[in-house]
Amino acid sequence: MFLSMSGQEFKSVFSLTTRNVSLNRLKHHTYELEKDMLDQLNKFNGSGQIDNAEFVSNLLFDVKSIQGVLSNLVENSVSDVKYQLAEKLQ
């Protein structure tokens, strides 16, 4: 498929800004999420809200898997993984 676009159309459709993502900030964010989720999980389990507890437990599993990936990344990595993880956390 070929799309013909003038420079002006391209500028209005695509943003060429640079995005900075700090691995330390992502790691901190995931640990804060984990802490909050564990608190919620304990509340739901304590009040017998099994469906909510299961939902939070699944989310917690996702956060822990993201933490595992983050632990293997280095700050100056040229891959898009940290950007993809930042999107996933939002």
PDB file of N, CA and C in Angstrom:
ATOM      1  N   MET A   1       0.850  -1.172   0.000  1.00  0.00           N
ATOM      2  CA  MET A   1       0.000   0.000   0.000  1.00  0.00           C
ATOM      3  C   MET A   1       0.895   1.234   0.000  1.00  0.00           C
ATOM      4  N   PHE A   2       0.575   2.195  -0.803  1.00  0.00           N
ATOM      5  CA  PHE A   2       1.332   3.438  -0.908  1.00  0.00           C
ATOM      6  C   PHE A   2       0.449   4.605  -0.502  1.00  0.00           C
ATOM      7  N   LEU A   3       0.952   5.422   0.412  1.00  0.00           N
ATOM      8  CA  LEU A   3       0.227   6.621   0.828  1.00  0.00           C
ATOM      9  C   LEU A   3       1.020   7.840   0.376  1.00  0.00           C
ATOM     10  N   SER A   4       0.380   8.660  -0.384  1.00  0.00           N
ATOM     11  CA  SER A   4       1.020   9.881  -0.848  1.00  0.00           C
ATOM     12  C   SER A   4       0.695  10.999   0.139  1.00  0.00           C
ATOM     13  N   MET A   5       1.726  11.586   0.732  1.00  0.00           N
ATOM     14  CA  MET A   5       1.514  12.662   1.708  1.00  0.00           C
ATOM     15  C   MET A   5       2.494  13.793   1.426  1.00  0.00           C
ATOM     16  N   SER A   6       2.008  14.983   1.552  1.00  0.00           N
ATOM     17  CA  SER A   6       2.914  16.124   1.459  1.00  0.00           C
ATOM     18  C   SER A   6       3.561  16.320   2.821  1.00  0.00           C
ATOM     19  N   GLY A   7       4.603  17.120   2.897  1.00  0.00           N
ATOM     20  CA  GLY A   7       5.288  17.376   4.158  1.00  0.00           C
ATOM     21  C   GLY A   7       4.372  17.954   5.215  1.00  0.00           C
ATOM     22  N   GLN A   8       3.452  18.816   4.808  1.00  0.00           N
ATOM     23  CA  GLN A   8       2.536  19.434   5.758  1.00  0.00           C
ATOM     24  C   GLN A   8       1.587  18.389   6.340  1.00  0.00           C
ATOM     25  N   GLU A   9       1.083  17.488   5.509  1.00  0.00           N
ATOM     26  CA  GLU A   9       0.197  16.434   6.010  1.00  0.00           C
ATOM     27  C   GLU A   9       0.945  15.521   6.966  1.00  0.00           C
ATOM     28  N   PHE A  10       2.188  15.189   6.623  1.00  0.00           N
ATOM     29  CA  PHE A  10       2.997  14.316   7.464  1.00  0.00           C
ATOM     30  C   PHE A  10       3.177  14.920   8.854  1.00  0.00           C
ATOM     31  N   LYS A  11       3.468  16.221   8.899  1.00  0.00           N
ATOM     32  CA  LYS A  11       3.675  16.898  10.179  1.00  0.00           C
ATOM     33  C   LYS A  11       2.424  16.889  11.045  1.00  0.00           C
ATOM     34  N   SER A  12       1.261  16.945  10.428  1.00  0.00           N
ATOM     35  CA  SER A  12       0.034  16.991  11.217  1.00  0.00           C
ATOM     36  C   SER A  12      -0.411  15.605  11.675  1.00  0.00           C
ATOM     37  N   VAL A  13       0.117  14.550  11.055  1.00  0.00           N
ATOM     38  CA  VAL A  13      -0.289  13.192  11.407  1.00  0.00           C
ATOM     39  C   VAL A  13       0.690  12.536  12.360  1.00  0.00           C
ATOM     40  N   PHE A  14       1.982  12.745  12.138  1.00  0.00           N
ATOM     41  CA  PHE A  14       3.006  12.070  12.927  1.00  0.00           C
ATOM     42  C   PHE A  14       3.775  13.063  13.779  1.00  0.00           C
ATOM     43  N   SER A  15       4.067  12.651  14.995  1.00  0.00           N
ATOM     44  CA  SER A  15       4.859  13.474  15.893  1.00  0.00           C
ATOM     45  C   SER A  15       6.280  12.919  15.937  1.00  0.00           C
ATOM     46  N   LEU A  16       7.247  13.780  15.736  1.00  0.00           N
ATOM     47  CA  LEU A  16       8.640  13.351  15.711  1.00  0.00           C
ATOM     48  C   LEU A  16       9.373  13.734  16.991  1.00  0.00           C
ATOM     49  N   THR A  17       8.664  13.834  18.097  1.00  0.00           N
ATOM     50  CA  THR A  17       9.295  14.196  19.354  1.00  0.00           C
ATOM     51  C   THR A  17      10.009  12.990  19.951  1.00  0.00           C
ATOM     52  N   THR A  18      11.053  13.269  20.690  1.00  0.00           N
ATOM     53  CA  THR A  18      11.808  12.230  21.371  1.00  0.00           C
ATOM     54  C   THR A  18      11.164  11.944  22.717  1.00  0.00           C
ATOM     55  N   ARG A  19      11.099  10.693  23.044  1.00  0.00           N
ATOM     56  CA  ARG A  19      10.477  10.296  24.300  1.00  0.00           C
ATOM     57  C   ARG A  19      11.542   9.738  25.230  1.00  0.00           C
ATOM     58  N   ASN A  20      11.599  10.257  26.435  1.00  0.00           N
ATOM     59  CA  ASN A  20      12.567   9.783  27.415  1.00  0.00           C
ATOM     60  C   ASN A  20      11.856   8.949  28.474  1.00  0.00           C
ATOM     61  N   VAL A  21      12.379   7.756  28.690  1.00  0.00           N
ATOM     62  CA  VAL A  21      11.820   6.864  29.702  1.00  0.00           C
ATOM     63  C   VAL A  21      12.968   6.430  30.606  1.00  0.00           C
ATOM     64  N   SER A  22      12.844   6.704  31.884  1.00  0.00           N
ATOM     65  CA  SER A  22      13.861   6.330  32.848  1.00  0.00           C
ATOM     66  C   SER A  22      13.559   4.932  33.401  1.00  0.00           C
ATOM     67  N   LEU A  23      14.540   4.039  33.321  1.00  0.00           N
ATOM     68  CA  LEU A  23      14.346   2.694  33.871  1.00  0.00           C
ATOM     69  C   LEU A  23      14.155   2.736  35.383  1.00  0.00           C
ATOM     70  N   ASN A  24      14.895   3.602  36.052  1.00  0.00           N
ATOM     71  CA  ASN A  24      14.742   3.703  37.509  1.00  0.00           C
ATOM     72  C   ASN A  24      13.329   4.132  37.883  1.00  0.00           C
ATOM     73  N   ARG A  25      12.783   5.074  37.113  1.00  0.00           N
ATOM     74  CA  ARG A  25      11.419   5.531  37.377  1.00  0.00           C
ATOM     75  C   ARG A  25      10.404   4.419  37.105  1.00  0.00           C
ATOM     76  N   LEU A  26      10.614   3.662  36.024  1.00  0.00           N
ATOM     77  CA  LEU A  26       9.735   2.534  35.736  1.00  0.00           C
ATOM     78  C   LEU A  26       9.804   1.483  36.834  1.00  0.00           C
ATOM     79  N   LYS A  27      11.014   1.185  37.296  1.00  0.00           N
ATOM     80  CA  LYS A  27      11.182   0.194  38.371  1.00  0.00           C
ATOM     81  C   LYS A  27      10.473   0.662  39.644  1.00  0.00           C
ATOM     82  N   HIS A  28      10.668   1.922  39.982  1.00  0.00           N
ATOM     83  CA  HIS A  28      10.011   2.475  41.166  1.00  0.00           C
ATOM     84  C   HIS A  28       8.491   2.404  41.015  1.00  0.00           C
ATOM     85  N   HIS A  29       8.001   2.748  39.845  1.00  0.00           N
ATOM     86  CA  HIS A  29       6.560   2.722  39.571  1.00  0.00           C
ATOM     87  C   HIS A  29       6.001   1.304  39.724  1.00  0.00           C
ATOM     88  N   THR A  30       6.726   0.309  39.206  1.00  0.00           N
ATOM     89  CA  THR A  30       6.227  -1.067  39.311  1.00  0.00           C
ATOM     90  C   THR A  30       6.230  -1.546  40.753  1.00  0.00           C
ATOM     91  N   TYR A  31       7.228  -1.156  41.540  1.00  0.00           N
ATOM     92  CA  TYR A  31       7.249  -1.575  42.941  1.00  0.00           C
ATOM     93  C   TYR A  31       6.132  -0.901  43.741  1.00  0.00           C
ATOM     94  N   GLU A  32       5.829   0.345  43.413  1.00  0.00           N
ATOM     95  CA  GLU A  32       4.703   1.026  44.055  1.00  0.00           C
ATOM     96  C   GLU A  32       3.384   0.355  43.675  1.00  0.00           C
ATOM     97  N   LEU A  33       3.240  -0.005  42.389  1.00  0.00           N
ATOM     98  CA  LEU A  33       2.041  -0.718  41.953  1.00  0.00           C
ATOM     99  C   LEU A  33       1.907  -2.055  42.665  1.00  0.00           C
ATOM    100  N   GLU A  34       3.016  -2.763  42.782  1.00  0.00           N
ATOM    101  CA  GLU A  34       2.997  -4.061  43.459  1.00  0.00           C
ATOM    102  C   GLU A  34       2.540  -3.903  44.914  1.00  0.00           C
ATOM    103  N   LYS A  35       3.074  -2.910  45.575  1.00  0.00           N
ATOM    104  CA  LYS A  35       2.710  -2.659  46.977  1.00  0.00           C
ATOM    105  C   LYS A  35       1.217  -2.350  47.100  1.00  0.00           C
ATOM    106  N   ASP A  36       0.717  -1.464  46.243  1.00  0.00           N
ATOM    107  CA  ASP A  36      -0.704  -1.116  46.269  1.00  0.00           C
ATOM    108  C   ASP A  36      -1.588  -2.317  45.952  1.00  0.00           C
ATOM    109  N   MET A  37      -1.160  -3.117  44.984  1.00  0.00           N
ATOM    110  CA  MET A  37      -1.948  -4.299  44.613  1.00  0.00           C
ATOM    111  C   MET A  37      -1.973  -5.335  45.727  1.00  0.00           C
ATOM    112  N   LEU A  38      -0.858  -5.501  46.410  1.00  0.00           N
ATOM    113  CA  LEU A  38      -0.837  -6.446  47.534  1.00  0.00           C
ATOM    114  C   LEU A  38      -1.774  -5.987  48.652  1.00  0.00           C
ATOM    115  N   ASP A  39      -1.794  -4.674  48.899  1.00  0.00           N
ATOM    116  CA  ASP A  39      -2.730  -4.137  49.896  1.00  0.00           C
ATOM    117  C   ASP A  39      -4.173  -4.406  49.484  1.00  0.00           C
ATOM    118  N   GLN A  40      -4.485  -4.141  48.210  1.00  0.00           N
ATOM    119  CA  GLN A  40      -5.842  -4.385  47.720  1.00  0.00           C
ATOM    120  C   GLN A  40      -6.192  -5.863  47.768  1.00  0.00           C
ATOM    121  N   LEU A  41      -5.240  -6.698  47.403  1.00  0.00           N
ATOM    122  CA  LEU A  41      -5.466  -8.134  47.415  1.00  0.00           C
ATOM    123  C   LEU A  41      -5.785  -8.625  48.823  1.00  0.00           C
ATOM    124  N   ASN A  42      -5.052  -8.129  49.810  1.00  0.00           N
ATOM    125  CA  ASN A  42      -5.332  -8.495  51.206  1.00  0.00           C
ATOM    126  C   ASN A  42      -6.708  -8.019  51.647  1.00  0.00           C
ATOM    127  N   LYS A  43      -7.102  -6.815  51.242  1.00  0.00           N
ATOM    128  CA  LYS A  43      -8.427  -6.297  51.588  1.00  0.00           C
ATOM    129  C   LYS A  43      -9.527  -7.149  50.970  1.00  0.00           C
ATOM    130  N   PHE A  44      -9.359  -7.468  49.674  1.00  0.00           N
ATOM    131  CA  PHE A  44     -10.376  -8.272  48.988  1.00  0.00           C
ATOM    132  C   PHE A  44     -10.466  -9.682  49.571  1.00  0.00           C
ATOM    133  N   ASN A  45      -9.327 -10.271  49.873  1.00  0.00           N
ATOM    134  CA  ASN A  45      -9.342 -11.612  50.474  1.00  0.00           C
ATOM    135  C   ASN A  45      -9.967 -11.582  51.867  1.00  0.00           C
ATOM    136  N   GLY A  46      -9.680 -10.522  52.619  1.00  0.00           N
ATOM    137  CA  GLY A  46     -10.222 -10.402  53.970  1.00  0.00           C
ATOM    138  C   GLY A  46     -11.719 -10.179  53.998  1.00  0.00           C
ATOM    139  N   SER A  47     -12.247  -9.543  52.955  1.00  0.00           N
ATOM    140  CA  SER A  47     -13.683  -9.255  52.931  1.00  0.00           C
ATOM    141  C   SER A  47     -14.460 -10.258  52.074  1.00  0.00           C
ATOM    142  N   GLY A  48     -13.782 -11.285  51.584  1.00  0.00           N
ATOM    143  CA  GLY A  48     -14.472 -12.321  50.836  1.00  0.00           C
ATOM    144  C   GLY A  48     -14.823 -11.958  49.408  1.00  0.00           C
ATOM    145  N   GLN A  49     -14.210 -10.937  48.873  1.00  0.00           N
ATOM    146  CA  GLN A  49     -14.467 -10.526  47.491  1.00  0.00           C
ATOM    147  C   GLN A  49     -13.529 -11.303  46.557  1.00  0.00           C
ATOM    148  N   ILE A  50     -13.876 -12.546  46.327  1.00  0.00           N
ATOM    149  CA  ILE A  50     -13.012 -13.471  45.602  1.00  0.00           C
ATOM    150  C   ILE A  50     -12.779 -13.036  44.156  1.00  0.00           C
ATOM    151  N   ASP A  51     -13.832 -12.582  43.475  1.00  0.00           N
ATOM    152  CA  ASP A  51     -13.679 -12.166  42.072  1.00  0.00           C
ATOM    153  C   ASP A  51     -12.703 -10.999  41.948  1.00  0.00           C
ATOM    154  N   ASN A  52     -12.842 -10.016  42.824  1.00  0.00           N
ATOM    155  CA  ASN A  52     -11.936  -8.867  42.801  1.00  0.00           C
ATOM    156  C   ASN A  52     -10.514  -9.291  43.157  1.00  0.00           C
ATOM    157  N   ALA A  53     -10.393 -10.197  44.115  1.00  0.00           N
ATOM    158  CA  ALA A  53      -9.069 -10.682  44.506  1.00  0.00           C
ATOM    159  C   ALA A  53      -8.397 -11.406  43.350  1.00  0.00           C
ATOM    160  N   GLU A  54      -9.157 -12.190  42.607  1.00  0.00           N
ATOM    161  CA  GLU A  54      -8.598 -12.905  41.462  1.00  0.00           C
ATOM    162  C   GLU A  54      -8.164 -11.927  40.373  1.00  0.00           C
ATOM    163  N   PHE A  55      -8.968 -10.895  40.141  1.00  0.00           N
ATOM    164  CA  PHE A  55      -8.633  -9.883  39.141  1.00  0.00           C
ATOM    165  C   PHE A  55      -7.329  -9.174  39.510  1.00  0.00           C
ATOM    166  N   VAL A  56      -7.203  -8.752  40.755  1.00  0.00           N
ATOM    167  CA  VAL A  56      -5.996  -8.059  41.210  1.00  0.00           C
ATOM    168  C   VAL A  56      -4.802  -9.010  41.172  1.00  0.00           C
ATOM    169  N   SER A  57      -5.031 -10.256  41.495  1.00  0.00           N
ATOM    170  CA  SER A  57      -3.960 -11.246  41.453  1.00  0.00           C
ATOM    171  C   SER A  57      -3.408 -11.408  40.039  1.00  0.00           C
ATOM    172  N   ASN A  58      -4.285 -11.417  39.043  1.00  0.00           N
ATOM    173  CA  ASN A  58      -3.840 -11.501  37.652  1.00  0.00           C
ATOM    174  C   ASN A  58      -3.042 -10.269  37.245  1.00  0.00           C
ATOM    175  N   LEU A  59      -3.506  -9.091  37.676  1.00  0.00           N
ATOM    176  CA  LEU A  59      -2.769  -7.862  37.389  1.00  0.00           C
ATOM    177  C   LEU A  59      -1.405  -7.868  38.073  1.00  0.00           C
ATOM    178  N   LEU A  60      -1.375  -8.385  39.288  1.00  0.00           N
ATOM    179  CA  LEU A  60      -0.131  -8.469  40.041  1.00  0.00           C
ATOM    180  C   LEU A  60       0.876  -9.373  39.321  1.00  0.00           C
ATOM    181  N   PHE A  61       0.374 -10.450  38.736  1.00  0.00           N
ATOM    182  CA  PHE A  61       1.234 -11.339  37.960  1.00  0.00           C
ATOM    183  C   PHE A  61       1.855 -10.581  36.784  1.00  0.00           C
ATOM    184  N   ASP A  62       1.056  -9.749  36.106  1.00  0.00           N
ATOM    185  CA  ASP A  62       1.563  -8.946  34.986  1.00  0.00           C
ATOM    186  C   ASP A  62       2.637  -7.964  35.454  1.00  0.00           C
ATOM    187  N   VAL A  63       2.405  -7.318  36.588  1.00  0.00           N
ATOM    188  CA  VAL A  63       3.373  -6.353  37.113  1.00  0.00           C
ATOM    189  C   VAL A  63       4.678  -7.064  37.461  1.00  0.00           C
ATOM    190  N   LYS A  64       4.586  -8.238  38.055  1.00  0.00           N
ATOM    191  CA  LYS A  64       5.800  -8.983  38.407  1.00  0.00           C
ATOM    192  C   LYS A  64       6.565  -9.425  37.160  1.00  0.00           C
ATOM    193  N   SER A  65       5.849  -9.769  36.101  1.00  0.00           N
ATOM    194  CA  SER A  65       6.539 -10.145  34.865  1.00  0.00           C
ATOM    195  C   SER A  65       7.241  -8.931  34.256  1.00  0.00           C
ATOM    196  N   ILE A  66       6.623  -7.755  34.353  1.00  0.00           N
ATOM    197  CA  ILE A  66       7.255  -6.518  33.878  1.00  0.00           C
ATOM    198  C   ILE A  66       8.499  -6.218  34.706  1.00  0.00           C
ATOM    199  N   GLN A  67       8.423  -6.444  36.022  1.00  0.00           N
ATOM    200  CA  GLN A  67       9.587  -6.229  36.878  1.00  0.00           C
ATOM    201  C   GLN A  67      10.742  -7.145  36.467  1.00  0.00           C
ATOM    202  N   GLY A  68      10.420  -8.376  36.085  1.00  0.00           N
ATOM    203  CA  GLY A  68      11.456  -9.298  35.639  1.00  0.00           C
ATOM    204  C   GLY A  68      12.146  -8.815  34.376  1.00  0.00           C
ATOM    205  N   VAL A  69      11.376  -8.297  33.438  1.00  0.00           N
ATOM    206  CA  VAL A  69      11.948  -7.765  32.201  1.00  0.00           C
ATOM    207  C   VAL A  69      12.782  -6.523  32.504  1.00  0.00           C
ATOM    208  N   LEU A  70      12.272  -5.656  33.373  1.00  0.00           N
ATOM    209  CA  LEU A  70      12.995  -4.428  33.716  1.00  0.00           C
ATOM    210  C   LEU A  70      14.341  -4.724  34.380  1.00  0.00           C
ATOM    211  N   SER A  71      14.388  -5.777  35.164  1.00  0.00           N
ATOM    212  CA  SER A  71      15.637  -6.094  35.870  1.00  0.00           C
ATOM    213  C   SER A  71      16.748  -6.508  34.902  1.00  0.00           C
ATOM    214  N   ASN A  72      16.375  -6.930  33.693  1.00  0.00           N
ATOM    215  CA  ASN A  72      17.369  -7.350  32.708  1.00  0.00           C
ATOM    216  C   ASN A  72      17.762  -6.247  31.734  1.00  0.00           C
ATOM    217  N   LEU A  73      17.121  -5.088  31.819  1.00  0.00           N
ATOM    218  CA  LEU A  73      17.428  -3.979  30.907  1.00  0.00           C
ATOM    219  C   LEU A  73      18.490  -3.069  31.499  1.00  0.00           C
ATOM    220  N   VAL A  74      19.232  -2.423  30.629  1.00  0.00           N
ATOM    221  CA  VAL A  74      20.192  -1.404  31.053  1.00  0.00           C
ATOM    222  C   VAL A  74      19.693  -0.052  30.566  1.00  0.00           C
ATOM    223  N   GLU A  75      20.086   1.003  31.265  1.00  0.00           N
ATOM    224  CA  GLU A  75      19.564   2.346  30.998  1.00  0.00           C
ATOM    225  C   GLU A  75      19.819   2.807  29.568  1.00  0.00           C
ATOM    226  N   ASN A  76      20.974   2.487  29.019  1.00  0.00           N
ATOM    227  CA  ASN A  76      21.306   2.975  27.677  1.00  0.00           C
ATOM    228  C   ASN A  76      20.950   1.964  26.585  1.00  0.00           C
ATOM    229  N   SER A  77      19.994   1.120  26.849  1.00  0.00           N
ATOM    230  CA  SER A  77      19.544   0.134  25.871  1.00  0.00           C
ATOM    231  C   SER A  77      18.953   0.829  24.650  1.00  0.00           C
ATOM    232  N   VAL A  78      19.252   0.289  23.476  1.00  0.00           N
ATOM    233  CA  VAL A  78      18.740   0.888  22.240  1.00  0.00           C
ATOM    234  C   VAL A  78      17.442   0.217  21.786  1.00  0.00           C
ATOM    235  N   SER A  79      16.964  -0.735  22.534  1.00  0.00           N
ATOM    236  CA  SER A  79      15.725  -1.418  22.150  1.00  0.00           C
ATOM    237  C   SER A  79      14.505  -0.594  22.553  1.00  0.00           C
ATOM    238  N   ASP A  80      13.381  -0.982  22.023  1.00  0.00           N
ATOM    239  CA  ASP A  80      12.123  -0.299  22.325  1.00  0.00           C
ATOM    240  C   ASP A  80      11.410  -0.908  23.532  1.00  0.00           C
ATOM    241  N   VAL A  81      12.026  -1.875  24.188  1.00  0.00           N
ATOM    242  CA  VAL A  81      11.360  -2.610  25.262  1.00  0.00           C
ATOM    243  C   VAL A  81      10.918  -1.679  26.383  1.00  0.00           C
ATOM    244  N   LYS A  82      11.776  -0.759  26.810  1.00  0.00           N
ATOM    245  CA  LYS A  82      11.389   0.114  27.928  1.00  0.00           C
ATOM    246  C   LYS A  82      10.220   1.013  27.547  1.00  0.00           C
ATOM    247  N   TYR A  83      10.140   1.405  26.279  1.00  0.00           N
ATOM    248  CA  TYR A  83       9.019   2.229  25.832  1.00  0.00           C
ATOM    249  C   TYR A  83       7.728   1.402  25.802  1.00  0.00           C
ATOM    250  N   GLN A  84       7.852   0.162  25.367  1.00  0.00           N
ATOM    251  CA  GLN A  84       6.695  -0.730  25.337  1.00  0.00           C
ATOM    252  C   GLN A  84       6.193  -1.018  26.752  1.00  0.00           C
ATOM    253  N   LEU A  85       7.115  -1.217  27.693  1.00  0.00           N
ATOM    254  CA  LEU A  85       6.716  -1.467  29.084  1.00  0.00           C
ATOM    255  C   LEU A  85       6.072  -0.232  29.705  1.00  0.00           C
ATOM    256  N   ALA A  86       6.590   0.942  29.381  1.00  0.00           N
ATOM    257  CA  ALA A  86       5.991   2.177  29.896  1.00  0.00           C
ATOM    258  C   ALA A  86       4.559   2.313  29.399  1.00  0.00           C
ATOM    259  N   GLU A  87       4.330   1.980  28.130  1.00  0.00           N
ATOM    260  CA  GLU A  87       2.966   2.027  27.575  1.00  0.00           C
ATOM    261  C   GLU A  87       2.068   1.012  28.275  1.00  0.00           C
ATOM    262  N   LYS A  88       2.592  -0.161  28.523  1.00  0.00           N
ATOM    263  CA  LYS A  88       1.809  -1.223  29.149  1.00  0.00           C
ATOM    264  C   LYS A  88       1.398  -0.837  30.577  1.00  0.00           C
ATOM    265  N   LEU A  89       2.261  -0.113  31.267  1.00  0.00           N
ATOM    266  CA  LEU A  89       1.975   0.288  32.651  1.00  0.00           C
ATOM    267  C   LEU A  89       0.947   1.418  32.737  1.00  0.00           C
ATOM    268  N   GLN A  90       0.749   2.137  31.653  1.00  0.00           N
ATOM    269  CA  GLN A  90      -0.196   3.267  31.710  1.00  0.00           C
ATOM    270  C   GLN A  90      -1.610   2.837  31.642  1.00  0.00           C
TER     271      GLN A  90
END
